Structure formats: structure tokens, C-alpha cells
mmCIF file of all heavy atoms, coordinates in Angstrom:
data_MODEL
# 
_entry.id   MODEL 
# 
loop_
_atom_site.group_PDB 
_atom_site.id 
_atom_site.type_symbol 
_atom_site.label_atom_id 
_atom_site.label_alt_id 
_atom_site.label_comp_id 
_atom_site.label_asym_id 
_atom_site.label_entity_id 
_atom_site.label_seq_id 
_atom_site.pdbx_PDB_ins_code 
_atom_site.Cartn_x 
_atom_site.Cartn_y 
_atom_site.Cartn_z 
_atom_site.occupancy 
_atom_site.B_iso_or_equiv 
_atom_site.pdbx_formal_charge 
_atom_site.auth_seq_id 
_atom_site.auth_comp_id 
_atom_site.auth_asym_id 
_atom_site.auth_atom_id 
_atom_site.pdbx_PDB_model_num 
ATOM 1   N N   . GLU A 1 1  ? -5.030  8.356   -14.713 1.00 0.00 ? 1  GLU A N   1 
ATOM 2   C CA  . GLU A 1 1  ? -5.711  8.024   -13.408 1.00 0.00 ? 1  GLU A CA  1 
ATOM 3   C C   . GLU A 1 1  ? -5.156  8.857   -12.208 1.00 0.00 ? 1  GLU A C   1 
ATOM 4   O O   . GLU A 1 1  ? -5.894  9.115   -11.263 1.00 0.00 ? 1  GLU A O   1 
ATOM 5   C CB  . GLU A 1 1  ? -5.618  6.537   -13.146 1.00 0.00 ? 1  GLU A CB  1 
ATOM 6   C CG  . GLU A 1 1  ? -6.274  5.620   -14.111 1.00 0.00 ? 1  GLU A CG  1 
ATOM 7   C CD  . GLU A 1 1  ? -7.827  5.801   -14.053 1.00 0.00 ? 1  GLU A CD  1 
ATOM 8   O OE1 . GLU A 1 1  ? -8.341  6.398   -13.155 1.00 0.00 ? 1  GLU A OE1 1 
ATOM 9   O OE2 . GLU A 1 1  ? -8.483  5.113   -14.961 1.00 0.00 ? 1  GLU A OE2 1 
ATOM 10  N N   . VAL A 1 2  ? -3.842  9.117   -12.265 1.00 0.00 ? 2  VAL A N   1 
ATOM 11  C CA  . VAL A 1 2  ? -3.340  9.870   -11.116 1.00 0.00 ? 2  VAL A CA  1 
ATOM 12  C C   . VAL A 1 2  ? -2.981  11.305  -11.336 1.00 0.00 ? 2  VAL A C   1 
ATOM 13  O O   . VAL A 1 2  ? -3.489  12.173  -10.732 1.00 0.00 ? 2  VAL A O   1 
ATOM 14  C CB  . VAL A 1 2  ? -1.979  9.090   -10.612 1.00 0.00 ? 2  VAL A CB  1 
ATOM 15  C CG1 . VAL A 1 2  ? -1.401  9.869   -9.493  1.00 0.00 ? 2  VAL A CG1 1 
ATOM 16  C CG2 . VAL A 1 2  ? -2.355  7.681   -10.292 1.00 0.00 ? 2  VAL A CG2 1 
ATOM 17  N N   . MET A 1 3  ? -2.148  11.627  -12.315 1.00 0.00 ? 3  MET A N   1 
ATOM 18  C CA  . MET A 1 3  ? -1.714  13.037  -12.514 1.00 0.00 ? 3  MET A CA  1 
ATOM 19  C C   . MET A 1 3  ? -2.780  13.905  -13.054 1.00 0.00 ? 3  MET A C   1 
ATOM 20  O O   . MET A 1 3  ? -2.785  15.054  -12.721 1.00 0.00 ? 3  MET A O   1 
ATOM 21  C CB  . MET A 1 3  ? -0.504  12.954  -13.497 1.00 0.00 ? 3  MET A CB  1 
ATOM 22  C CG  . MET A 1 3  ? 0.711   12.186  -12.893 1.00 0.00 ? 3  MET A CG  1 
ATOM 23  S SD  . MET A 1 3  ? 1.239   12.616  -11.287 1.00 0.00 ? 3  MET A SD  1 
ATOM 24  C CE  . MET A 1 3  ? 2.046   14.088  -11.518 1.00 0.00 ? 3  MET A CE  1 
ATOM 25  N N   . GLU A 1 4  ? -3.732  13.327  -13.784 1.00 0.00 ? 4  GLU A N   1 
ATOM 26  C CA  . GLU A 1 4  ? -4.830  14.145  -14.380 1.00 0.00 ? 4  GLU A CA  1 
ATOM 27  C C   . GLU A 1 4  ? -6.119  14.002  -13.629 1.00 0.00 ? 4  GLU A C   1 
ATOM 28  O O   . GLU A 1 4  ? -7.138  14.513  -14.075 1.00 0.00 ? 4  GLU A O   1 
ATOM 29  C CB  . GLU A 1 4  ? -5.025  13.914  -15.846 1.00 0.00 ? 4  GLU A CB  1 
ATOM 30  C CG  . GLU A 1 4  ? -3.763  14.142  -16.778 1.00 0.00 ? 4  GLU A CG  1 
ATOM 31  C CD  . GLU A 1 4  ? -3.887  13.775  -18.094 1.00 0.00 ? 4  GLU A CD  1 
ATOM 32  O OE1 . GLU A 1 4  ? -4.981  13.361  -18.581 1.00 0.00 ? 4  GLU A OE1 1 
ATOM 33  O OE2 . GLU A 1 4  ? -2.841  13.739  -18.867 1.00 0.00 ? 4  GLU A OE2 1 
ATOM 34  N N   . SER A 1 5  ? -6.111  13.424  -12.517 1.00 0.00 ? 5  SER A N   1 
ATOM 35  C CA  . SER A 1 5  ? -7.285  13.038  -11.719 1.00 0.00 ? 5  SER A CA  1 
ATOM 36  C C   . SER A 1 5  ? -7.866  14.428  -11.135 1.00 0.00 ? 5  SER A C   1 
ATOM 37  O O   . SER A 1 5  ? -7.094  15.235  -10.652 1.00 0.00 ? 5  SER A O   1 
ATOM 38  C CB  . SER A 1 5  ? -7.021  12.147  -10.567 1.00 0.00 ? 5  SER A CB  1 
ATOM 39  O OG  . SER A 1 5  ? -8.144  11.959  -9.788  1.00 0.00 ? 5  SER A OG  1 
ATOM 40  N N   . ASP A 1 6  ? -9.172  14.499  -11.225 1.00 0.00 ? 6  ASP A N   1 
ATOM 41  C CA  . ASP A 1 6  ? -9.801  15.792  -10.707 1.00 0.00 ? 6  ASP A CA  1 
ATOM 42  C C   . ASP A 1 6  ? -10.073 15.498  -9.154  1.00 0.00 ? 6  ASP A C   1 
ATOM 43  O O   . ASP A 1 6  ? -10.601 16.426  -8.470  1.00 0.00 ? 6  ASP A O   1 
ATOM 44  C CB  . ASP A 1 6  ? -11.087 16.063  -11.387 1.00 0.00 ? 6  ASP A CB  1 
ATOM 45  C CG  . ASP A 1 6  ? -12.128 14.954  -11.446 1.00 0.00 ? 6  ASP A CG  1 
ATOM 46  O OD1 . ASP A 1 6  ? -11.742 13.825  -11.064 1.00 0.00 ? 6  ASP A OD1 1 
ATOM 47  O OD2 . ASP A 1 6  ? -13.289 15.267  -11.784 1.00 0.00 ? 6  ASP A OD2 1 
ATOM 48  N N   . LYS A 1 7  ? -9.830  14.369  -8.616  1.00 0.00 ? 7  LYS A N   1 
ATOM 49  C CA  . LYS A 1 7  ? -9.938  14.000  -7.240  1.00 0.00 ? 7  LYS A CA  1 
ATOM 50  C C   . LYS A 1 7  ? -8.607  13.681  -6.591  1.00 0.00 ? 7  LYS A C   1 
ATOM 51  O O   . LYS A 1 7  ? -7.663  13.266  -7.338  1.00 0.00 ? 7  LYS A O   1 
ATOM 52  C CB  . LYS A 1 7  ? -10.744 12.719  -7.010  1.00 0.00 ? 7  LYS A CB  1 
ATOM 53  C CG  . LYS A 1 7  ? -12.172 12.853  -7.531  1.00 0.00 ? 7  LYS A CG  1 
ATOM 54  C CD  . LYS A 1 7  ? -12.850 11.464  -7.389  1.00 0.00 ? 7  LYS A CD  1 
ATOM 55  C CE  . LYS A 1 7  ? -14.330 11.481  -7.933  1.00 0.00 ? 7  LYS A CE  1 
ATOM 56  N NZ  . LYS A 1 7  ? -15.032 10.225  -7.685  1.00 0.00 ? 7  LYS A NZ  1 
ATOM 57  N N   . PRO A 1 8  ? -8.449  13.838  -5.295  1.00 0.00 ? 8  PRO A N   1 
ATOM 58  C CA  . PRO A 1 8  ? -7.190  13.482  -4.636  1.00 0.00 ? 8  PRO A CA  1 
ATOM 59  C C   . PRO A 1 8  ? -6.987  11.910  -4.881  1.00 0.00 ? 8  PRO A C   1 
ATOM 60  O O   . PRO A 1 8  ? -7.984  11.175  -4.924  1.00 0.00 ? 8  PRO A O   1 
ATOM 61  C CB  . PRO A 1 8  ? -7.429  13.775  -3.188  1.00 0.00 ? 8  PRO A CB  1 
ATOM 62  C CG  . PRO A 1 8  ? -8.491  14.814  -3.166  1.00 0.00 ? 8  PRO A CG  1 
ATOM 63  C CD  . PRO A 1 8  ? -9.338  14.570  -4.345  1.00 0.00 ? 8  PRO A CD  1 
ATOM 64  N N   . VAL A 1 9  ? -5.790  11.471  -4.960  1.00 0.00 ? 9  VAL A N   1 
ATOM 65  C CA  . VAL A 1 9  ? -5.549  10.032  -5.253  1.00 0.00 ? 9  VAL A CA  1 
ATOM 66  C C   . VAL A 1 9  ? -4.668  9.511   -4.085  1.00 0.00 ? 9  VAL A C   1 
ATOM 67  O O   . VAL A 1 9  ? -3.658  10.001  -3.705  1.00 0.00 ? 9  VAL A O   1 
ATOM 68  C CB  . VAL A 1 9  ? -4.757  9.778   -6.512  1.00 0.00 ? 9  VAL A CB  1 
ATOM 69  C CG1 . VAL A 1 9  ? -4.493  8.357   -6.753  1.00 0.00 ? 9  VAL A CG1 1 
ATOM 70  C CG2 . VAL A 1 9  ? -5.584  10.460  -7.709  1.00 0.00 ? 9  VAL A CG2 1 
ATOM 71  N N   . LEU A 1 10 ? -5.171  8.413   -3.476  1.00 0.00 ? 10 LEU A N   1 
ATOM 72  C CA  . LEU A 1 10 ? -4.442  7.724   -2.392  1.00 0.00 ? 10 LEU A CA  1 
ATOM 73  C C   . LEU A 1 10 ? -3.780  6.499   -3.155  1.00 0.00 ? 10 LEU A C   1 
ATOM 74  O O   . LEU A 1 10 ? -4.462  5.711   -3.713  1.00 0.00 ? 10 LEU A O   1 
ATOM 75  C CB  . LEU A 1 10 ? -5.419  7.176   -1.345  1.00 0.00 ? 10 LEU A CB  1 
ATOM 76  C CG  . LEU A 1 10 ? -4.747  6.154   -0.319  1.00 0.00 ? 10 LEU A CG  1 
ATOM 77  C CD1 . LEU A 1 10 ? -3.609  6.941   0.490   1.00 0.00 ? 10 LEU A CD1 1 
ATOM 78  C CD2 . LEU A 1 10 ? -5.781  5.633   0.609   1.00 0.00 ? 10 LEU A CD2 1 
ATOM 79  N N   . LEU A 1 11 ? -2.423  6.503   -3.152  1.00 0.00 ? 11 LEU A N   1 
ATOM 80  C CA  . LEU A 1 11 ? -1.735  5.385   -3.790  1.00 0.00 ? 11 LEU A CA  1 
ATOM 81  C C   . LEU A 1 11 ? -1.084  4.480   -2.828  1.00 0.00 ? 11 LEU A C   1 
ATOM 82  O O   . LEU A 1 11 ? -0.479  4.970   -1.823  1.00 0.00 ? 11 LEU A O   1 
ATOM 83  C CB  . LEU A 1 11 ? -0.586  5.987   -4.672  1.00 0.00 ? 11 LEU A CB  1 
ATOM 84  C CG  . LEU A 1 11 ? -0.957  6.471   -6.057  1.00 0.00 ? 11 LEU A CG  1 
ATOM 85  C CD1 . LEU A 1 11 ? 0.374   6.965   -6.718  1.00 0.00 ? 11 LEU A CD1 1 
ATOM 86  C CD2 . LEU A 1 11 ? -1.665  5.514   -6.844  1.00 0.00 ? 11 LEU A CD2 1 
ATOM 87  N N   . ASP A 1 12 ? -1.227  3.240   -2.958  1.00 0.00 ? 12 ASP A N   1 
ATOM 88  C CA  . ASP A 1 12 ? -0.604  2.199   -2.173  1.00 0.00 ? 12 ASP A CA  1 
ATOM 89  C C   . ASP A 1 12 ? 0.400   1.553   -3.017  1.00 0.00 ? 12 ASP A C   1 
ATOM 90  O O   . ASP A 1 12 ? 0.136   0.765   -3.927  1.00 0.00 ? 12 ASP A O   1 
ATOM 91  C CB  . ASP A 1 12 ? -1.705  1.225   -1.621  1.00 0.00 ? 12 ASP A CB  1 
ATOM 92  C CG  . ASP A 1 12 ? -1.169  0.081   -0.854  1.00 0.00 ? 12 ASP A CG  1 
ATOM 93  O OD1 . ASP A 1 12 ? -0.060  0.135   -0.352  1.00 0.00 ? 12 ASP A OD1 1 
ATOM 94  O OD2 . ASP A 1 12 ? -1.923  -0.948  -0.713  1.00 0.00 ? 12 ASP A OD2 1 
ATOM 95  N N   . PHE A 1 13 ? 1.727   1.722   -2.609  1.00 0.00 ? 13 PHE A N   1 
ATOM 96  C CA  . PHE A 1 13 ? 2.798   0.999   -3.286  1.00 0.00 ? 13 PHE A CA  1 
ATOM 97  C C   . PHE A 1 13 ? 3.016   -0.352  -2.474  1.00 0.00 ? 13 PHE A C   1 
ATOM 98  O O   . PHE A 1 13 ? 3.290   -0.209  -1.238  1.00 0.00 ? 13 PHE A O   1 
ATOM 99  C CB  . PHE A 1 13 ? 4.066   1.828   -3.287  1.00 0.00 ? 13 PHE A CB  1 
ATOM 100 C CG  . PHE A 1 13 ? 3.950   3.016   -4.282  1.00 0.00 ? 13 PHE A CG  1 
ATOM 101 C CD1 . PHE A 1 13 ? 3.410   4.143   -3.860  1.00 0.00 ? 13 PHE A CD1 1 
ATOM 102 C CD2 . PHE A 1 13 ? 4.542   2.869   -5.524  1.00 0.00 ? 13 PHE A CD2 1 
ATOM 103 C CE1 . PHE A 1 13 ? 3.393   5.210   -4.711  1.00 0.00 ? 13 PHE A CE1 1 
ATOM 104 C CE2 . PHE A 1 13 ? 4.473   3.958   -6.428  1.00 0.00 ? 13 PHE A CE2 1 
ATOM 105 C CZ  . PHE A 1 13 ? 3.853   5.088   -6.028  1.00 0.00 ? 13 PHE A CZ  1 
ATOM 106 N N   . TRP A 1 14 ? 2.883   -1.446  -3.075  1.00 0.00 ? 14 TRP A N   1 
ATOM 107 C CA  . TRP A 1 14 ? 2.891   -2.745  -2.355  1.00 0.00 ? 14 TRP A CA  1 
ATOM 108 C C   . TRP A 1 14 ? 3.509   -3.908  -3.189  1.00 0.00 ? 14 TRP A C   1 
ATOM 109 O O   . TRP A 1 14 ? 3.856   -3.607  -4.424  1.00 0.00 ? 14 TRP A O   1 
ATOM 110 C CB  . TRP A 1 14 ? 1.412   -3.057  -2.051  1.00 0.00 ? 14 TRP A CB  1 
ATOM 111 C CG  . TRP A 1 14 ? 0.659   -3.463  -3.286  1.00 0.00 ? 14 TRP A CG  1 
ATOM 112 C CD1 . TRP A 1 14 ? 0.157   -2.618  -4.254  1.00 0.00 ? 14 TRP A CD1 1 
ATOM 113 C CD2 . TRP A 1 14 ? 0.337   -4.816  -3.744  1.00 0.00 ? 14 TRP A CD2 1 
ATOM 114 N NE1 . TRP A 1 14 ? -0.418  -3.339  -5.188  1.00 0.00 ? 14 TRP A NE1 1 
ATOM 115 C CE2 . TRP A 1 14 ? -0.368  -4.632  -4.935  1.00 0.00 ? 14 TRP A CE2 1 
ATOM 116 C CE3 . TRP A 1 14 ? 0.542   -6.068  -3.134  1.00 0.00 ? 14 TRP A CE3 1 
ATOM 117 C CZ2 . TRP A 1 14 ? -0.829  -5.780  -5.601  1.00 0.00 ? 14 TRP A CZ2 1 
ATOM 118 C CZ3 . TRP A 1 14 ? 0.058   -7.206  -3.871  1.00 0.00 ? 14 TRP A CZ3 1 
ATOM 119 C CH2 . TRP A 1 14 ? -0.562  -6.987  -5.191  1.00 0.00 ? 14 TRP A CH2 1 
ATOM 120 N N   . ALA A 1 15 ? 3.622   -5.003  -2.640  1.00 0.00 ? 15 ALA A N   1 
ATOM 121 C CA  . ALA A 1 15 ? 3.982   -6.234  -3.369  1.00 0.00 ? 15 ALA A CA  1 
ATOM 122 C C   . ALA A 1 15 ? 3.291   -7.401  -2.689  1.00 0.00 ? 15 ALA A C   1 
ATOM 123 O O   . ALA A 1 15 ? 3.006   -7.388  -1.465  1.00 0.00 ? 15 ALA A O   1 
ATOM 124 C CB  . ALA A 1 15 ? 5.501   -6.416  -3.295  1.00 0.00 ? 15 ALA A CB  1 
ATOM 125 N N   . PRO A 1 16 ? 2.980   -8.462  -3.518  1.00 0.00 ? 16 PRO A N   1 
ATOM 126 C CA  . PRO A 1 16 ? 2.259   -9.611  -2.875  1.00 0.00 ? 16 PRO A CA  1 
ATOM 127 C C   . PRO A 1 16 ? 2.984   -10.391 -1.861  1.00 0.00 ? 16 PRO A C   1 
ATOM 128 O O   . PRO A 1 16 ? 2.346   -10.954 -0.935  1.00 0.00 ? 16 PRO A O   1 
ATOM 129 C CB  . PRO A 1 16 ? 1.952   -10.486 -4.099  1.00 0.00 ? 16 PRO A CB  1 
ATOM 130 C CG  . PRO A 1 16 ? 2.648   -9.887  -5.250  1.00 0.00 ? 16 PRO A CG  1 
ATOM 131 C CD  . PRO A 1 16 ? 3.209   -8.595  -4.965  1.00 0.00 ? 16 PRO A CD  1 
ATOM 132 N N   . TRP A 1 17 ? 4.373   -10.338 -1.789  1.00 0.00 ? 17 TRP A N   1 
ATOM 133 C CA  . TRP A 1 17 ? 5.015   -11.046 -0.817  1.00 0.00 ? 17 TRP A CA  1 
ATOM 134 C C   . TRP A 1 17 ? 5.283   -10.279 0.478   1.00 0.00 ? 17 TRP A C   1 
ATOM 135 O O   . TRP A 1 17 ? 5.869   -10.832 1.516   1.00 0.00 ? 17 TRP A O   1 
ATOM 136 C CB  . TRP A 1 17 ? 6.481   -11.421 -1.420  1.00 0.00 ? 17 TRP A CB  1 
ATOM 137 C CG  . TRP A 1 17 ? 7.134   -10.241 -2.034  1.00 0.00 ? 17 TRP A CG  1 
ATOM 138 C CD1 . TRP A 1 17 ? 7.169   -9.919  -3.378  1.00 0.00 ? 17 TRP A CD1 1 
ATOM 139 C CD2 . TRP A 1 17 ? 7.866   -9.151  -1.461  1.00 0.00 ? 17 TRP A CD2 1 
ATOM 140 N NE1 . TRP A 1 17 ? 7.845   -8.741  -3.589  1.00 0.00 ? 17 TRP A NE1 1 
ATOM 141 C CE2 . TRP A 1 17 ? 8.306   -8.238  -2.368  1.00 0.00 ? 17 TRP A CE2 1 
ATOM 142 C CE3 . TRP A 1 17 ? 8.207   -8.883  -0.047  1.00 0.00 ? 17 TRP A CE3 1 
ATOM 143 C CZ2 . TRP A 1 17 ? 9.039   -7.202  -2.113  1.00 0.00 ? 17 TRP A CZ2 1 
ATOM 144 C CZ3 . TRP A 1 17 ? 9.033   -7.823  0.207   1.00 0.00 ? 17 TRP A CZ3 1 
ATOM 145 C CH2 . TRP A 1 17 ? 9.380   -6.897  -0.818  1.00 0.00 ? 17 TRP A CH2 1 
ATOM 146 N N   . CYS A 1 18 ? 4.824   -9.057  0.553   1.00 0.00 ? 18 CYS A N   1 
ATOM 147 C CA  . CYS A 1 18 ? 5.075   -8.237  1.727   1.00 0.00 ? 18 CYS A CA  1 
ATOM 148 C C   . CYS A 1 18 ? 3.933   -8.355  2.735   1.00 0.00 ? 18 CYS A C   1 
ATOM 149 O O   . CYS A 1 18 ? 2.816   -8.017  2.511   1.00 0.00 ? 18 CYS A O   1 
ATOM 150 C CB  . CYS A 1 18 ? 5.108   -6.799  1.122   1.00 0.00 ? 18 CYS A CB  1 
ATOM 151 S SG  . CYS A 1 18 ? 5.016   -5.489  2.411   1.00 0.00 ? 18 CYS A SG  1 
ATOM 152 N N   . GLY A 1 19 ? 4.357   -8.912  3.939   1.00 0.00 ? 19 GLY A N   1 
ATOM 153 C CA  . GLY A 1 19 ? 3.419   -9.105  5.019   1.00 0.00 ? 19 GLY A CA  1 
ATOM 154 C C   . GLY A 1 19 ? 2.703   -7.801  5.480   1.00 0.00 ? 19 GLY A C   1 
ATOM 155 O O   . GLY A 1 19 ? 1.470   -7.750  5.494   1.00 0.00 ? 19 GLY A O   1 
ATOM 156 N N   . PRO A 1 20 ? 3.393   -6.702  5.788   1.00 0.00 ? 20 PRO A N   1 
ATOM 157 C CA  . PRO A 1 20 ? 2.782   -5.423  6.211   1.00 0.00 ? 20 PRO A CA  1 
ATOM 158 C C   . PRO A 1 20 ? 1.800   -4.967  5.042   1.00 0.00 ? 20 PRO A C   1 
ATOM 159 O O   . PRO A 1 20 ? 0.775   -4.248  5.355   1.00 0.00 ? 20 PRO A O   1 
ATOM 160 C CB  . PRO A 1 20 ? 3.815   -4.540  6.460   1.00 0.00 ? 20 PRO A CB  1 
ATOM 161 C CG  . PRO A 1 20 ? 5.081   -5.434  6.835   1.00 0.00 ? 20 PRO A CG  1 
ATOM 162 C CD  . PRO A 1 20 ? 4.854   -6.707  5.938   1.00 0.00 ? 20 PRO A CD  1 
ATOM 163 N N   . CYS A 1 21 ? 2.184   -5.115  3.853   1.00 0.00 ? 21 CYS A N   1 
ATOM 164 C CA  . CYS A 1 21 ? 1.281   -4.747  2.693   1.00 0.00 ? 21 CYS A CA  1 
ATOM 165 C C   . CYS A 1 21 ? -0.027  -5.471  2.806   1.00 0.00 ? 21 CYS A C   1 
ATOM 166 O O   . CYS A 1 21 ? -1.106  -4.811  2.493   1.00 0.00 ? 21 CYS A O   1 
ATOM 167 C CB  . CYS A 1 21 ? 1.898   -5.042  1.384   1.00 0.00 ? 21 CYS A CB  1 
ATOM 168 S SG  . CYS A 1 21 ? 3.543   -4.174  1.011   1.00 0.00 ? 21 CYS A SG  1 
ATOM 169 N N   . ARG A 1 22 ? -0.024  -6.722  3.119   1.00 0.00 ? 22 ARG A N   1 
ATOM 170 C CA  . ARG A 1 22 ? -1.309  -7.522  3.198   1.00 0.00 ? 22 ARG A CA  1 
ATOM 171 C C   . ARG A 1 22 ? -2.097  -7.015  4.303   1.00 0.00 ? 22 ARG A C   1 
ATOM 172 O O   . ARG A 1 22 ? -3.366  -7.157  4.296   1.00 0.00 ? 22 ARG A O   1 
ATOM 173 C CB  . ARG A 1 22 ? -0.953  -9.000  3.316   1.00 0.00 ? 22 ARG A CB  1 
ATOM 174 C CG  . ARG A 1 22 ? -0.383  -9.628  2.096   1.00 0.00 ? 22 ARG A CG  1 
ATOM 175 C CD  . ARG A 1 22 ? -0.391  -11.169 2.053   1.00 0.00 ? 22 ARG A CD  1 
ATOM 176 N NE  . ARG A 1 22 ? 0.436   -11.732 3.148   1.00 0.00 ? 22 ARG A NE  1 
ATOM 177 C CZ  . ARG A 1 22 ? 1.676   -12.024 2.904   1.00 0.00 ? 22 ARG A CZ  1 
ATOM 178 N NH1 . ARG A 1 22 ? 2.269   -11.901 1.814   1.00 0.00 ? 22 ARG A NH1 1 
ATOM 179 N NH2 . ARG A 1 22 ? 2.344   -12.557 3.972   1.00 0.00 ? 22 ARG A NH2 1 
ATOM 180 N N   . GLN A 1 23 ? -1.549  -6.310  5.350   1.00 0.00 ? 23 GLN A N   1 
ATOM 181 C CA  . GLN A 1 23 ? -2.358  -5.802  6.445   1.00 0.00 ? 23 GLN A CA  1 
ATOM 182 C C   . GLN A 1 23 ? -3.019  -4.461  5.997   1.00 0.00 ? 23 GLN A C   1 
ATOM 183 O O   . GLN A 1 23 ? -4.161  -4.177  6.448   1.00 0.00 ? 23 GLN A O   1 
ATOM 184 C CB  . GLN A 1 23 ? -1.485  -5.450  7.605   1.00 0.00 ? 23 GLN A CB  1 
ATOM 185 C CG  . GLN A 1 23 ? -0.897  -6.686  8.382   1.00 0.00 ? 23 GLN A CG  1 
ATOM 186 C CD  . GLN A 1 23 ? 0.130   -6.219  9.365   1.00 0.00 ? 23 GLN A CD  1 
ATOM 187 O OE1 . GLN A 1 23 ? 0.950   -5.255  9.316   1.00 0.00 ? 23 GLN A OE1 1 
ATOM 188 N NE2 . GLN A 1 23 ? 0.069   -6.846  10.553  1.00 0.00 ? 23 GLN A NE2 1 
ATOM 189 N N   . VAL A 1 24 ? -2.384  -3.825  5.074   1.00 0.00 ? 24 VAL A N   1 
ATOM 190 C CA  . VAL A 1 24 ? -2.913  -2.484  4.660   1.00 0.00 ? 24 VAL A CA  1 
ATOM 191 C C   . VAL A 1 24 ? -3.982  -2.672  3.560   1.00 0.00 ? 24 VAL A C   1 
ATOM 192 O O   . VAL A 1 24 ? -4.901  -1.886  3.421   1.00 0.00 ? 24 VAL A O   1 
ATOM 193 C CB  . VAL A 1 24 ? -1.782  -1.672  4.088   1.00 0.00 ? 24 VAL A CB  1 
ATOM 194 C CG1 . VAL A 1 24 ? -2.257  -0.360  3.474   1.00 0.00 ? 24 VAL A CG1 1 
ATOM 195 C CG2 . VAL A 1 24 ? -0.843  -1.219  5.294   1.00 0.00 ? 24 VAL A CG2 1 
ATOM 196 N N   . VAL A 1 25 ? -3.905  -3.675  2.748   1.00 0.00 ? 25 VAL A N   1 
ATOM 197 C CA  . VAL A 1 25 ? -4.826  -3.885  1.621   1.00 0.00 ? 25 VAL A CA  1 
ATOM 198 C C   . VAL A 1 25 ? -6.291  -3.838  1.973   1.00 0.00 ? 25 VAL A C   1 
ATOM 199 O O   . VAL A 1 25 ? -7.092  -3.105  1.329   1.00 0.00 ? 25 VAL A O   1 
ATOM 200 C CB  . VAL A 1 25 ? -4.458  -5.231  0.785   1.00 0.00 ? 25 VAL A CB  1 
ATOM 201 C CG1 . VAL A 1 25 ? -5.572  -5.592  -0.089  1.00 0.00 ? 25 VAL A CG1 1 
ATOM 202 C CG2 . VAL A 1 25 ? -3.181  -5.081  0.082   1.00 0.00 ? 25 VAL A CG2 1 
ATOM 203 N N   . PRO A 1 26 ? -6.764  -4.539  2.987   1.00 0.00 ? 26 PRO A N   1 
ATOM 204 C CA  . PRO A 1 26 ? -8.193  -4.448  3.383   1.00 0.00 ? 26 PRO A CA  1 
ATOM 205 C C   . PRO A 1 26 ? -8.565  -2.917  3.752   1.00 0.00 ? 26 PRO A C   1 
ATOM 206 O O   . PRO A 1 26 ? -9.743  -2.529  3.432   1.00 0.00 ? 26 PRO A O   1 
ATOM 207 C CB  . PRO A 1 26 ? -8.351  -5.362  4.534   1.00 0.00 ? 26 PRO A CB  1 
ATOM 208 C CG  . PRO A 1 26 ? -7.139  -6.222  4.709   1.00 0.00 ? 26 PRO A CG  1 
ATOM 209 C CD  . PRO A 1 26 ? -6.081  -5.462  3.888   1.00 0.00 ? 26 PRO A CD  1 
ATOM 210 N N   . LEU A 1 27 ? -7.686  -2.235  4.400   1.00 0.00 ? 27 LEU A N   1 
ATOM 211 C CA  . LEU A 1 27 ? -8.037  -0.863  4.756   1.00 0.00 ? 27 LEU A CA  1 
ATOM 212 C C   . LEU A 1 27 ? -8.147  0.023   3.521   1.00 0.00 ? 27 LEU A C   1 
ATOM 213 O O   . LEU A 1 27 ? -8.988  0.873   3.443   1.00 0.00 ? 27 LEU A O   1 
ATOM 214 C CB  . LEU A 1 27 ? -6.910  -0.379  5.718   1.00 0.00 ? 27 LEU A CB  1 
ATOM 215 C CG  . LEU A 1 27 ? -6.661  -1.153  7.041   1.00 0.00 ? 27 LEU A CG  1 
ATOM 216 C CD1 . LEU A 1 27 ? -5.532  -0.554  7.781   1.00 0.00 ? 27 LEU A CD1 1 
ATOM 217 C CD2 . LEU A 1 27 ? -7.883  -1.173  7.823   1.00 0.00 ? 27 LEU A CD2 1 
# 
């Protein structure tokens, strides 16, 4: 999905307990 993708990949490293992560998820 990532290394062999023919498209650029935007990866979001997150965790469910992380407040700022929850702000980024909808975006």
C-alpha cells in the first residue's frame, strides 16, 4: 500500500488516546 504505491501516500501516525491526533483525523 505504501512502498509500492503508484501514487504519493500521505501517512498519519496516530493513537486513539491522543487529543491532537483526534483534531487531525477529520482533515
